[in-house]
């Protein structure tokens, strides 16, 4: 099963979340046990968390909204970027 990054998450200052806790939230939000999370640390930048799920995720926008709700209810401040909101690349036609 192919996976892709659906969301990128950055928590507010002085906040962090363990990988197991984040995975539980994300798995529940996207309604699959095929989810995964990774942490990206770059010098001079805040930690970013990549939230992955199958490319066949049925309702990506619902997963994003559920994840936002779960993080807010848990008291996190965050920014989240979604790949699901970006337009799909246009097909390339060869002649």
PDB file of N, CA and C in Angstrom:
ATOM      1  N   UNK A   1       0.854  -1.181   0.000  1.00  0.00           N
ATOM      2  CA  UNK A   1       0.000   0.000   0.000  1.00  0.00           C
ATOM      3  C   UNK A   1       0.896   1.238   0.000  1.00  0.00           C
ATOM      4  N   UNK A   2       0.649   2.130  -0.938  1.00  0.00           N
ATOM      5  CA  UNK A   2       1.431   3.361  -1.017  1.00  0.00           C
ATOM      6  C   UNK A   2       0.954   4.373   0.008  1.00  0.00           C
ATOM      7  N   UNK A   3       1.913   5.104   0.573  1.00  0.00           N
ATOM      8  CA  UNK A   3       1.616   6.147   1.549  1.00  0.00           C
ATOM      9  C   UNK A   3       2.122   7.481   1.038  1.00  0.00           C
ATOM     10  N   UNK A   4       1.549   8.536   1.554  1.00  0.00           N
ATOM     11  CA  UNK A   4       2.015   9.879   1.232  1.00  0.00           C
ATOM     12  C   UNK A   4       1.845  10.775   2.452  1.00  0.00           C
ATOM     13  N   UNK A   5       2.539  11.893   2.430  1.00  0.00           N
ATOM     14  CA  UNK A   5       2.390  12.892   3.494  1.00  0.00           C
ATOM     15  C   UNK A   5       1.133  13.685   3.186  1.00  0.00           C
ATOM     16  N   UNK A   6       0.186  13.662   4.120  1.00  0.00           N
ATOM     17  CA  UNK A   6      -1.052  14.410   3.943  1.00  0.00           C
ATOM     18  C   UNK A   6      -1.005  15.754   4.650  1.00  0.00           C
ATOM     19  N   UNK A   7      -0.339  15.796   5.815  1.00  0.00           N
ATOM     20  CA  UNK A   7      -0.300  17.028   6.590  1.00  0.00           C
ATOM     21  C   UNK A   7       1.099  17.261   7.146  1.00  0.00           C
ATOM     22  N   UNK A   8       1.429  18.537   7.331  1.00  0.00           N
ATOM     23  CA  UNK A   8       2.633  18.929   8.057  1.00  0.00           C
ATOM     24  C   UNK A   8       2.183  19.766   9.236  1.00  0.00           C
ATOM     25  N   UNK A   9       2.680  19.435  10.418  1.00  0.00           N
ATOM     26  CA  UNK A   9       2.239  20.053  11.662  1.00  0.00           C
ATOM     27  C   UNK A   9       3.422  20.685  12.370  1.00  0.00           C
ATOM     28  N   UNK A  10       3.232  21.898  12.860  1.00  0.00           N
ATOM     29  CA  UNK A  10       4.204  22.561  13.742  1.00  0.00           C
ATOM     30  C   UNK A  10       3.442  23.016  14.971  1.00  0.00           C
ATOM     31  N   UNK A  11       3.955  22.627  16.141  1.00  0.00           N
ATOM     32  CA  UNK A  11       3.323  23.028  17.397  1.00  0.00           C
ATOM     33  C   UNK A  11       3.834  24.387  17.828  1.00  0.00           C
ATOM     34  N   UNK A  12       3.059  25.040  18.712  1.00  0.00           N
ATOM     35  CA  UNK A  12       3.444  26.342  19.237  1.00  0.00           C
ATOM     36  C   UNK A  12       4.698  26.258  20.090  1.00  0.00           C
ATOM     37  N   UNK A  13       5.238  27.421  20.436  1.00  0.00           N
ATOM     38  CA  UNK A  13       6.448  27.488  21.249  1.00  0.00           C
ATOM     39  C   UNK A  13       6.292  26.704  22.539  1.00  0.00           C
ATOM     40  N   UNK A  14       7.350  26.029  22.909  1.00  0.00           N
ATOM     41  CA  UNK A  14       7.414  25.265  24.161  1.00  0.00           C
ATOM     42  C   UNK A  14       6.400  24.137  24.240  1.00  0.00           C
ATOM     43  N   UNK A  15       5.896  23.684  23.110  1.00  0.00           N
ATOM     44  CA  UNK A  15       4.986  22.546  23.101  1.00  0.00           C
ATOM     45  C   UNK A  15       5.643  21.401  22.339  1.00  0.00           C
ATOM     46  N   UNK A  16       5.358  20.198  22.781  1.00  0.00           N
ATOM     47  CA  UNK A  16       5.824  19.024  22.054  1.00  0.00           C
ATOM     48  C   UNK A  16       4.814  17.907  22.271  1.00  0.00           C
ATOM     49  N   UNK A  17       4.953  16.882  21.469  1.00  0.00           N
ATOM     50  CA  UNK A  17       4.068  15.731  21.575  1.00  0.00           C
ATOM     51  C   UNK A  17       4.910  14.496  21.249  1.00  0.00           C
ATOM     52  N   UNK A  18       4.682  13.452  21.990  1.00  0.00           N
ATOM     53  CA  UNK A  18       5.407  12.216  21.734  1.00  0.00           C
ATOM     54  C   UNK A  18       4.909  11.546  20.473  1.00  0.00           C
ATOM     55  N   UNK A  19       5.771  10.768  19.830  1.00  0.00           N
ATOM     56  CA  UNK A  19       5.371  10.127  18.573  1.00  0.00           C
ATOM     57  C   UNK A  19       4.197   9.169  18.741  1.00  0.00           C
ATOM     58  N   UNK A  20       4.128   8.464  19.850  1.00  0.00           N
ATOM     59  CA  UNK A  20       3.012   7.532  20.054  1.00  0.00           C
ATOM     60  C   UNK A  20       1.697   8.277  20.218  1.00  0.00           C
ATOM     61  N   UNK A  21       1.723   9.373  20.999  1.00  0.00           N
ATOM     62  CA  UNK A  21       0.506  10.167  21.189  1.00  0.00           C
ATOM     63  C   UNK A  21       0.045  10.794  19.877  1.00  0.00           C
ATOM     64  N   UNK A  22       1.011  11.313  19.102  1.00  0.00           N
ATOM     65  CA  UNK A  22       0.668  11.922  17.821  1.00  0.00           C
ATOM     66  C   UNK A  22       0.098  10.874  16.874  1.00  0.00           C
ATOM     67  N   UNK A  23       0.681   9.698  16.860  1.00  0.00           N
ATOM     68  CA  UNK A  23       0.192   8.637  15.987  1.00  0.00           C
ATOM     69  C   UNK A  23      -1.226   8.211  16.360  1.00  0.00           C
ATOM     70  N   UNK A  24      -1.513   8.139  17.654  1.00  0.00           N
ATOM     71  CA  UNK A  24      -2.868   7.785  18.091  1.00  0.00           C
ATOM     72  C   UNK A  24      -3.872   8.829  17.590  1.00  0.00           C
ATOM     73  N   UNK A  25      -3.550  10.108  17.753  1.00  0.00           N
ATOM     74  CA  UNK A  25      -4.447  11.172  17.288  1.00  0.00           C
ATOM     75  C   UNK A  25      -4.637  11.098  15.773  1.00  0.00           C
ATOM     76  N   UNK A  26      -3.542  10.964  15.036  1.00  0.00           N
ATOM     77  CA  UNK A  26      -3.601  10.963  13.575  1.00  0.00           C
ATOM     78  C   UNK A  26      -4.330   9.728  13.050  1.00  0.00           C
ATOM     79  N   UNK A  27      -4.044   8.556  13.615  1.00  0.00           N
ATOM     80  CA  UNK A  27      -4.722   7.333  13.179  1.00  0.00           C
ATOM     81  C   UNK A  27      -6.225   7.443  13.370  1.00  0.00           C
ATOM     82  N   UNK A  28      -6.615   7.999  14.511  1.00  0.00           N
ATOM     83  CA  UNK A  28      -8.045   8.187  14.776  1.00  0.00           C
ATOM     84  C   UNK A  28      -8.640   9.218  13.822  1.00  0.00           C
ATOM     85  N   UNK A  29      -7.910  10.305  13.581  1.00  0.00           N
ATOM     86  CA  UNK A  29      -8.412  11.364  12.698  1.00  0.00           C
ATOM     87  C   UNK A  29      -8.612  10.874  11.276  1.00  0.00           C
ATOM     88  N   UNK A  30      -7.688  10.059  10.779  1.00  0.00           N
ATOM     89  CA  UNK A  30      -7.828   9.608   9.391  1.00  0.00           C
ATOM     90  C   UNK A  30      -8.487   8.229   9.291  1.00  0.00           C
ATOM     91  N   UNK A  31      -8.908   7.706  10.427  1.00  0.00           N
ATOM     92  CA  UNK A  31      -9.712   6.487  10.477  1.00  0.00           C
ATOM     93  C   UNK A  31      -9.045   5.300   9.770  1.00  0.00           C
ATOM     94  N   UNK A  32      -7.752   5.128  10.060  1.00  0.00           N
ATOM     95  CA  UNK A  32      -7.032   3.979   9.525  1.00  0.00           C
ATOM     96  C   UNK A  32      -5.920   3.585  10.481  1.00  0.00           C
ATOM     97  N   UNK A  33      -5.596   2.312  10.495  1.00  0.00           N
ATOM     98  CA  UNK A  33      -4.452   1.867  11.286  1.00  0.00           C
ATOM     99  C   UNK A  33      -3.198   1.780  10.421  1.00  0.00           C
ATOM    100  N   UNK A  34      -3.270   2.329   9.223  1.00  0.00           N
ATOM    101  CA  UNK A  34      -2.144   2.355   8.289  1.00  0.00           C
ATOM    102  C   UNK A  34      -1.454   3.715   8.262  1.00  0.00           C
ATOM    103  N   UNK A  35      -1.627   4.513   9.312  1.00  0.00           N
ATOM    104  CA  UNK A  35      -1.034   5.847   9.387  1.00  0.00           C
ATOM    105  C   UNK A  35       0.366   5.769   9.984  1.00  0.00           C
ATOM    106  N   UNK A  36       1.145   6.820   9.752  1.00  0.00           N
ATOM    107  CA  UNK A  36       2.456   6.931  10.377  1.00  0.00           C
ATOM    108  C   UNK A  36       2.790   8.407  10.555  1.00  0.00           C
ATOM    109  N   UNK A  37       3.749   8.667  11.444  1.00  0.00           N
ATOM    110  CA  UNK A  37       4.199  10.040  11.687  1.00  0.00           C
ATOM    111  C   UNK A  37       5.724  10.052  11.717  1.00  0.00           C
ATOM    112  N   UNK A  38       6.301  11.148  11.260  1.00  0.00           N
ATOM    113  CA  UNK A  38       7.747  11.338  11.349  1.00  0.00           C
ATOM    114  C   UNK A  38       8.015  12.746  11.848  1.00  0.00           C
ATOM    115  N   UNK A  39       9.207  12.930  12.372  1.00  0.00           N
ATOM    116  CA  UNK A  39       9.604  14.231  12.898  1.00  0.00           C
ATOM    117  C   UNK A  39      10.775  14.741  12.072  1.00  0.00           C
ATOM    118  N   UNK A  40      10.680  15.999  11.657  1.00  0.00           N
ATOM    119  CA  UNK A  40      11.703  16.618  10.827  1.00  0.00           C
ATOM    120  C   UNK A  40      12.329  17.766  11.608  1.00  0.00           C
ATOM    121  N   UNK A  41      13.601  17.650  11.923  1.00  0.00           N
ATOM    122  CA  UNK A  41      14.296  18.727  12.634  1.00  0.00           C
ATOM    123  C   UNK A  41      15.340  19.331  11.708  1.00  0.00           C
ATOM    124  N   UNK A  42      15.274  20.645  11.555  1.00  0.00           N
ATOM    125  CA  UNK A  42      16.239  21.373  10.744  1.00  0.00           C
ATOM    126  C   UNK A  42      16.807  22.493  11.598  1.00  0.00           C
ATOM    127  N   UNK A  43      18.091  22.702  11.501  1.00  0.00           N
ATOM    128  CA  UNK A  43      18.755  23.739  12.288  1.00  0.00           C
ATOM    129  C   UNK A  43      18.089  25.092  12.062  1.00  0.00           C
ATOM    130  N   UNK A  44      17.792  25.766  13.160  1.00  0.00           N
ATOM    131  CA  UNK A  44      17.209  27.094  13.073  1.00  0.00           C
ATOM    132  C   UNK A  44      15.720  27.139  12.818  1.00  0.00           C
ATOM    133  N   UNK A  45      15.081  25.996  12.708  1.00  0.00           N
ATOM    134  CA  UNK A  45      13.639  25.954  12.446  1.00  0.00           C
ATOM    135  C   UNK A  45      12.962  25.133  13.524  1.00  0.00           C
ATOM    136  N   UNK A  46      11.694  25.396  13.717  1.00  0.00           N
ATOM    137  CA  UNK A  46      10.943  24.602  14.683  1.00  0.00           C
ATOM    138  C   UNK A  46      10.745  23.183  14.139  1.00  0.00           C
ATOM    139  N   UNK A  47      10.440  22.281  15.032  1.00  0.00           N
ATOM    140  CA  UNK A  47      10.232  20.884  14.648  1.00  0.00           C
ATOM    141  C   UNK A  47       8.942  20.779  13.839  1.00  0.00           C
ATOM    142  N   UNK A  48       9.004  20.047  12.759  1.00  0.00           N
ATOM    143  CA  UNK A  48       7.817  19.783  11.942  1.00  0.00           C
ATOM    144  C   UNK A  48       7.517  18.296  12.021  1.00  0.00           C
ATOM    145  N   UNK A  49       6.253  17.977  12.100  1.00  0.00           N
ATOM    146  CA  UNK A  49       5.806  16.597  12.121  1.00  0.00           C
ATOM    147  C   UNK A  49       5.095  16.320  10.802  1.00  0.00           C
ATOM    148  N   UNK A  50       5.467  15.249  10.147  1.00  0.00           N
ATOM    149  CA  UNK A  50       4.821  14.843   8.899  1.00  0.00           C
ATOM    150  C   UNK A  50       3.838  13.726   9.219  1.00  0.00           C
ATOM    151  N   UNK A  51       2.597  13.888   8.768  1.00  0.00           N
ATOM    152  CA  UNK A  51       1.544  12.918   9.032  1.00  0.00           C
ATOM    153  C   UNK A  51       1.229  12.190   7.737  1.00  0.00           C
ATOM    154  N   UNK A  52       1.485  10.897   7.728  1.00  0.00           N
ATOM    155  CA  UNK A  52       1.358  10.071   6.538  1.00  0.00           C
ATOM    156  C   UNK A  52       0.160   9.132   6.650  1.00  0.00           C
ATOM    157  N   UNK A  53      -0.417   8.813   5.507  1.00  0.00           N
ATOM    158  CA  UNK A  53      -1.513   7.843   5.433  1.00  0.00           C
ATOM    159  C   UNK A  53      -1.528   7.295   4.002  1.00  0.00           C
ATOM    160  N   UNK A  54      -2.291   6.248   3.762  1.00  0.00           N
ATOM    161  CA  UNK A  54      -2.347   5.688   2.409  1.00  0.00           C
ATOM    162  C   UNK A  54      -2.788   6.727   1.377  1.00  0.00           C
ATOM    163  N   UNK A  55      -2.274   6.588   0.169  1.00  0.00           N
ATOM    164  CA  UNK A  55      -2.677   7.489  -0.911  1.00  0.00           C
ATOM    165  C   UNK A  55      -4.163   7.334  -1.225  1.00  0.00           C
ATOM    166  N   UNK A  56      -4.714   6.201  -0.854  1.00  0.00           N
ATOM    167  CA  UNK A  56      -6.140   5.946  -1.100  1.00  0.00           C
ATOM    168  C   UNK A  56      -7.034   6.436   0.039  1.00  0.00           C
ATOM    169  N   UNK A  57      -6.518   7.306   0.900  1.00  0.00           N
ATOM    170  CA  UNK A  57      -7.307   7.833   2.013  1.00  0.00           C
ATOM    171  C   UNK A  57      -8.637   8.380   1.490  1.00  0.00           C
ATOM    172  N   UNK A  58      -9.727   7.857   2.014  1.00  0.00           N
ATOM    173  CA  UNK A  58     -11.052   8.151   1.458  1.00  0.00           C
ATOM    174  C   UNK A  58     -11.486   9.607   1.642  1.00  0.00           C
ATOM    175  N   UNK A  59     -11.245  10.175   2.810  1.00  0.00           N
ATOM    176  CA  UNK A  59     -11.746  11.520   3.112  1.00  0.00           C
ATOM    177  C   UNK A  59     -10.635  12.377   3.711  1.00  0.00           C
ATOM    178  N   UNK A  60      -9.689  12.838   2.906  1.00  0.00           N
ATOM    179  CA  UNK A  60      -8.558  13.592   3.455  1.00  0.00           C
ATOM    180  C   UNK A  60      -8.954  14.887   4.146  1.00  0.00           C
ATOM    181  N   UNK A  61      -9.926  15.599   3.626  1.00  0.00           N
ATOM    182  CA  UNK A  61     -10.335  16.858   4.263  1.00  0.00           C
ATOM    183  C   UNK A  61     -10.962  16.579   5.625  1.00  0.00           C
ATOM    184  N   UNK A  62     -11.762  15.524   5.717  1.00  0.00           N
ATOM    185  CA  UNK A  62     -12.350  15.157   7.008  1.00  0.00           C
ATOM    186  C   UNK A  62     -11.248  14.772   7.994  1.00  0.00           C
ATOM    187  N   UNK A  63     -10.237  14.058   7.536  1.00  0.00           N
ATOM    188  CA  UNK A  63      -9.120  13.687   8.409  1.00  0.00           C
ATOM    189  C   UNK A  63      -8.411  14.936   8.930  1.00  0.00           C
ATOM    190  N   UNK A  64      -8.197  15.908   8.050  1.00  0.00           N
ATOM    191  CA  UNK A  64      -7.556  17.156   8.474  1.00  0.00           C
ATOM    192  C   UNK A  64      -8.399  17.879   9.511  1.00  0.00           C
ATOM    193  N   UNK A  65      -9.687  18.016   9.258  1.00  0.00           N
ATOM    194  CA  UNK A  65     -10.553  18.723  10.197  1.00  0.00           C
ATOM    195  C   UNK A  65     -10.634  17.995  11.533  1.00  0.00           C
ATOM    196  N   UNK A  66     -10.690  16.680  11.501  1.00  0.00           N
ATOM    197  CA  UNK A  66     -10.711  15.893  12.741  1.00  0.00           C
ATOM    198  C   UNK A  66      -9.410  16.064  13.513  1.00  0.00           C
ATOM    199  N   UNK A  67      -8.288  16.096  12.793  1.00  0.00           N
ATOM    200  CA  UNK A  67      -6.996  16.275  13.454  1.00  0.00           C
ATOM    201  C   UNK A  67      -6.897  17.648  14.089  1.00  0.00           C
ATOM    202  N   UNK A  68      -7.343  18.671  13.380  1.00  0.00           N
ATOM    203  CA  UNK A  68      -7.350  20.021  13.947  1.00  0.00           C
ATOM    204  C   UNK A  68      -8.185  20.065  15.226  1.00  0.00           C
ATOM    205  N   UNK A  69      -9.351  19.454  15.186  1.00  0.00           N
ATOM    206  CA  UNK A  69     -10.234  19.436  16.344  1.00  0.00           C
ATOM    207  C   UNK A  69      -9.572  18.717  17.524  1.00  0.00           C
ATOM    208  N   UNK A  70      -8.962  17.593  17.285  1.00  0.00           N
ATOM    209  CA  UNK A  70      -8.311  16.816  18.342  1.00  0.00           C
ATOM    210  C   UNK A  70      -7.169  17.603  18.978  1.00  0.00           C
ATOM    211  N   UNK A  71      -6.363  18.272  18.160  1.00  0.00           N
ATOM    212  CA  UNK A  71      -5.248  19.065  18.690  1.00  0.00           C
ATOM    213  C   UNK A  71      -5.750  20.253  19.503  1.00  0.00           C
ATOM    214  N   UNK A  72      -6.794  20.921  18.998  1.00  0.00           N
ATOM    215  CA  UNK A  72      -7.358  22.057  19.731  1.00  0.00           C
ATOM    216  C   UNK A  72      -7.930  21.614  21.076  1.00  0.00           C
ATOM    217  N   UNK A  73      -8.667  20.511  21.076  1.00  0.00           N
ATOM    218  CA  UNK A  73      -9.250  20.009  22.319  1.00  0.00           C
ATOM    219  C   UNK A  73      -8.186  19.571  23.320  1.00  0.00           C
ATOM    220  N   UNK A  74      -7.031  19.152  22.825  1.00  0.00           N
ATOM    221  CA  UNK A  74      -5.929  18.753  23.700  1.00  0.00           C
ATOM    222  C   UNK A  74      -5.121  19.958  24.186  1.00  0.00           C
ATOM    223  N   UNK A  75      -5.479  21.169  23.719  1.00  0.00           N
ATOM    224  CA  UNK A  75      -4.833  22.389  24.193  1.00  0.00           C
ATOM    225  C   UNK A  75      -3.601  22.824  23.422  1.00  0.00           C
ATOM    226  N   UNK A  76      -3.376  22.262  22.265  1.00  0.00           N
ATOM    227  CA  UNK A  76      -2.210  22.644  21.470  1.00  0.00           C
ATOM    228  C   UNK A  76      -2.508  23.876  20.628  1.00  0.00           C
ATOM    229  N   UNK A  77      -1.484  24.706  20.458  1.00  0.00           N
ATOM    230  CA  UNK A  77      -1.520  25.747  19.431  1.00  0.00           C
ATOM    231  C   UNK A  77      -0.609  25.232  18.325  1.00  0.00           C
ATOM    232  N   UNK A  78      -0.988  25.464  17.078  1.00  0.00           N
ATOM    233  CA  UNK A  78      -0.262  24.831  15.987  1.00  0.00           C
ATOM    234  C   UNK A  78      -0.544  25.515  14.668  1.00  0.00           C
ATOM    235  N   UNK A  79       0.305  25.217  13.714  1.00  0.00           N
ATOM    236  CA  UNK A  79       0.038  25.532  12.318  1.00  0.00           C
ATOM    237  C   UNK A  79       0.067  24.201  11.575  1.00  0.00           C
ATOM    238  N   UNK A  80      -0.756  24.113  10.558  1.00  0.00           N
ATOM    239  CA  UNK A  80      -0.845  22.863   9.824  1.00  0.00           C
ATOM    240  C   UNK A  80      -0.975  23.168   8.342  1.00  0.00           C
ATOM    241  N   UNK A  81      -0.151  22.537   7.569  1.00  0.00           N
ATOM    242  CA  UNK A  81      -0.229  22.648   6.120  1.00  0.00           C
ATOM    243  C   UNK A  81      -0.761  21.350   5.558  1.00  0.00           C
ATOM    244  N   UNK A  82      -1.636  21.465   4.582  1.00  0.00           N
ATOM    245  CA  UNK A  82      -2.276  20.290   4.009  1.00  0.00           C
ATOM    246  C   UNK A  82      -1.904  20.123   2.557  1.00  0.00           C
ATOM    247  N   UNK A  83      -1.503  18.935   2.196  1.00  0.00           N
ATOM    248  CA  UNK A  83      -1.274  18.633   0.785  1.00  0.00           C
ATOM    249  C   UNK A  83      -2.592  18.378   0.075  1.00  0.00           C
ATOM    250  N   UNK A  84      -3.618  18.034   0.849  1.00  0.00           N
ATOM    251  CA  UNK A  84      -4.917  17.717   0.256  1.00  0.00           C
ATOM    252  C   UNK A  84      -5.582  18.944  -0.366  1.00  0.00           C
ATOM    253  N   UNK A  85      -5.233  20.146   0.100  1.00  0.00           N
ATOM    254  CA  UNK A  85      -5.856  21.358  -0.419  1.00  0.00           C
ATOM    255  C   UNK A  85      -5.188  21.864  -1.695  1.00  0.00           C
ATOM    256  N   UNK A  86      -4.041  21.314  -2.013  1.00  0.00           N
ATOM    257  CA  UNK A  86      -3.332  21.780  -3.202  1.00  0.00           C
ATOM    258  C   UNK A  86      -3.953  21.166  -4.447  1.00  0.00           C
ATOM    259  N   UNK A  87      -3.995  21.935  -5.521  1.00  0.00           N
ATOM    260  CA  UNK A  87      -4.554  21.362  -6.748  1.00  0.00           C
ATOM    261  C   UNK A  87      -3.695  20.209  -7.246  1.00  0.00           C
ATOM    262  N   UNK A  88      -4.345  19.252  -7.819  1.00  0.00           N
ATOM    263  CA  UNK A  88      -3.625  18.100  -8.369  1.00  0.00           C
ATOM    264  C   UNK A  88      -2.801  18.562  -9.564  1.00  0.00           C
ATOM    265  N   UNK A  89      -1.638  17.973  -9.752  1.00  0.00           N
ATOM    266  CA  UNK A  89      -0.847  18.355 -10.922  1.00  0.00           C
ATOM    267  C   UNK A  89      -1.582  18.007 -12.203  1.00  0.00           C
ATOM    268  N   UNK A  90      -1.407  18.837 -13.187  1.00  0.00           N
ATOM    269  CA  UNK A  90      -2.052  18.607 -14.472  1.00  0.00           C
ATOM    270  C   UNK A  90      -1.331  17.478 -15.195  1.00  0.00           C
ATOM    271  N   UNK A  91      -2.076  16.630 -15.867  1.00  0.00           N
ATOM    272  CA  UNK A  91      -1.417  15.541 -16.598  1.00  0.00           C
ATOM    273  C   UNK A  91      -0.561  16.084 -17.737  1.00  0.00           C
ATOM    274  N   UNK A  92       0.504  15.385 -17.987  1.00  0.00           N
ATOM    275  CA  UNK A  92       1.397  15.765 -19.084  1.00  0.00           C
ATOM    276  C   UNK A  92       0.982  14.951 -20.296  1.00  0.00           C
ATOM    277  N   UNK A  93       0.786  15.628 -21.398  1.00  0.00           N
ATOM    278  CA  UNK A  93       0.396  14.947 -22.629  1.00  0.00           C
ATOM    279  C   UNK A  93       1.563  14.932 -23.597  1.00  0.00           C
ATOM    280  N   UNK A  94       1.890  13.776 -24.072  1.00  0.00           N
ATOM    281  CA  UNK A  94       2.967  13.638 -25.043  1.00  0.00           C
ATOM    282  C   UNK A  94       2.350  13.452 -26.423  1.00  0.00           C
ATOM    283  N   UNK A  95       2.983  14.042 -27.410  1.00  0.00           N
ATOM    284  CA  UNK A  95       2.490  13.916 -28.790  1.00  0.00           C
ATOM    285  C   UNK A  95       3.332  12.967 -29.567  1.00  0.00           C
TER     286      UNK A  95
END
